[in-house]
Amino acid sequence: VPVNENNEILQSPIQPGTPHGELIRNASLIIWDEAPMANRVFLTCVDDMCHLLMNHDTTFGGKVIILLGDFHQMCPVIHGSSRSQIV
């Protein structure tokens, strides 16, 4: 999903009625590989885009999203620790 990273608020340029918008609207599901490596802002952006394209107020506009990736590669979060303790 293309995004314009120059905006303070991350937004997708895909709009309803455009070829890309219709492609996503007609898709049975969306598969997202390497999801654990994506910033949560991108998930929010895709959620907002799906709400707009599907004209539906449920998560991801009611579209089925499969998030793939190796969740074991994620670094553990250690609250209140220093950089040297984490590394």
Protein backbone atom coordinates (compact mmCIF):
# COMPACT_ATOMS: atom_id res chain seq x y z
CA VAL A 1 0.00 0.00 0.00
CA PRO A 2 1.66 3.23 -1.06
CA VAL A 3 1.80 5.97 1.55
CA ASN A 4 2.99 9.54 1.52
CA GLU A 5 5.54 9.72 4.34
CA ASN A 6 5.95 13.49 3.95
CA ASN A 7 2.67 14.07 5.79
CA GLU A 8 2.62 14.35 9.57
CA ILE A 9 -0.36 12.02 9.48
CA LEU A 10 0.41 8.93 7.43
CA GLN A 11 -2.29 8.52 4.76
CA SER A 12 -2.66 6.31 1.73
CA PRO A 13 -3.38 8.02 -1.60
CA ILE A 14 -5.69 5.12 -2.60
CA GLN A 15 -9.25 6.43 -2.87
CA PRO A 16 -12.63 4.80 -3.59
CA GLY A 17 -13.41 4.54 -7.29
CA THR A 18 -9.76 4.36 -8.40
CA PRO A 19 -8.33 1.18 -9.97
CA HIS A 20 -6.24 0.40 -6.87
CA GLY A 21 -9.20 1.15 -4.62
CA GLU A 22 -11.43 -1.22 -6.57
CA LEU A 23 -8.72 -3.91 -6.53
CA ILE A 24 -8.54 -3.79 -2.72
CA ARG A 25 -12.33 -3.50 -2.39
CA ASN A 26 -12.85 -6.64 -4.52
CA ALA A 27 -10.09 -8.66 -2.82
CA SER A 28 -11.23 -11.64 -0.74
CA LEU A 29 -8.40 -11.11 1.73
CA ILE A 30 -5.19 -9.16 2.21
CA ILE A 31 -1.95 -10.96 3.13
CA TRP A 32 0.69 -8.83 4.87
CA ASP A 33 4.13 -10.45 5.17
CA GLU A 34 6.68 -9.29 7.75
CA ALA A 35 3.93 -7.67 9.82
CA PRO A 36 5.92 -7.76 13.09
CA MET A 37 8.55 -5.52 11.50
CA ALA A 38 6.03 -2.83 10.48
CA ASN A 39 5.44 0.23 12.60
CA ARG A 40 1.96 0.30 14.13
CA VAL A 41 1.32 3.56 12.25
CA PHE A 42 1.23 1.54 9.01
CA LEU A 43 -1.41 -0.80 10.45
CA THR A 44 -3.49 2.23 11.41
CA CYS A 45 -3.04 3.66 7.92
CA VAL A 46 -4.23 0.42 6.28
CA ASP A 47 -7.15 0.23 8.73
CA ASP A 48 -8.20 3.79 7.84
CA MET A 49 -7.84 3.06 4.12
CA CYS A 50 -9.98 -0.09 4.39
CA HIS A 51 -12.67 1.81 6.35
CA LEU A 52 -12.78 4.36 3.53
CA LEU A 53 -12.76 1.84 0.67
CA MET A 54 -15.25 -0.58 2.19
CA ASN A 55 -17.48 2.16 3.68
CA HIS A 56 -17.79 -0.03 6.76
CA ASP A 57 -17.00 0.92 10.38
CA THR A 58 -15.47 -2.37 11.56
CA THR A 59 -11.80 -3.25 11.92
CA PHE A 60 -10.12 -3.04 8.51
CA GLY A 61 -13.52 -2.23 7.02
CA GLY A 62 -14.55 -5.86 7.49
CA LYS A 63 -11.78 -7.05 5.16
CA VAL A 64 -9.96 -10.26 6.17
CA ILE A 65 -6.30 -9.47 6.88
CA ILE A 66 -3.69 -12.21 7.43
CA LEU A 67 -0.58 -10.92 9.19
CA LEU A 68 2.50 -13.07 8.59
CA GLY A 69 6.02 -12.96 9.93
CA ASP A 70 8.37 -14.55 12.40
CA PHE A 71 7.14 -13.23 15.73
CA HIS A 72 10.11 -14.92 17.45
CA GLN A 73 12.44 -12.37 15.81
CA MET A 74 10.86 -9.56 17.81
CA CYS A 75 12.99 -8.00 20.52
CA PRO A 76 11.57 -8.30 24.02
CA VAL A 77 10.37 -5.10 25.66
CA ILE A 78 12.01 -4.50 29.02
CA HIS A 79 10.36 -1.52 30.70
CA GLY A 80 12.63 0.77 32.68
CA SER A 81 15.89 -0.77 31.48
CA SER A 82 18.92 0.97 30.03
CA ARG A 83 20.16 0.52 26.47
CA SER A 84 23.04 -1.71 27.62
CA GLN A 85 20.62 -4.01 29.48
CA ILE A 86 18.48 -4.39 26.36
CA VAL A 87 21.37 -4.97 23.95
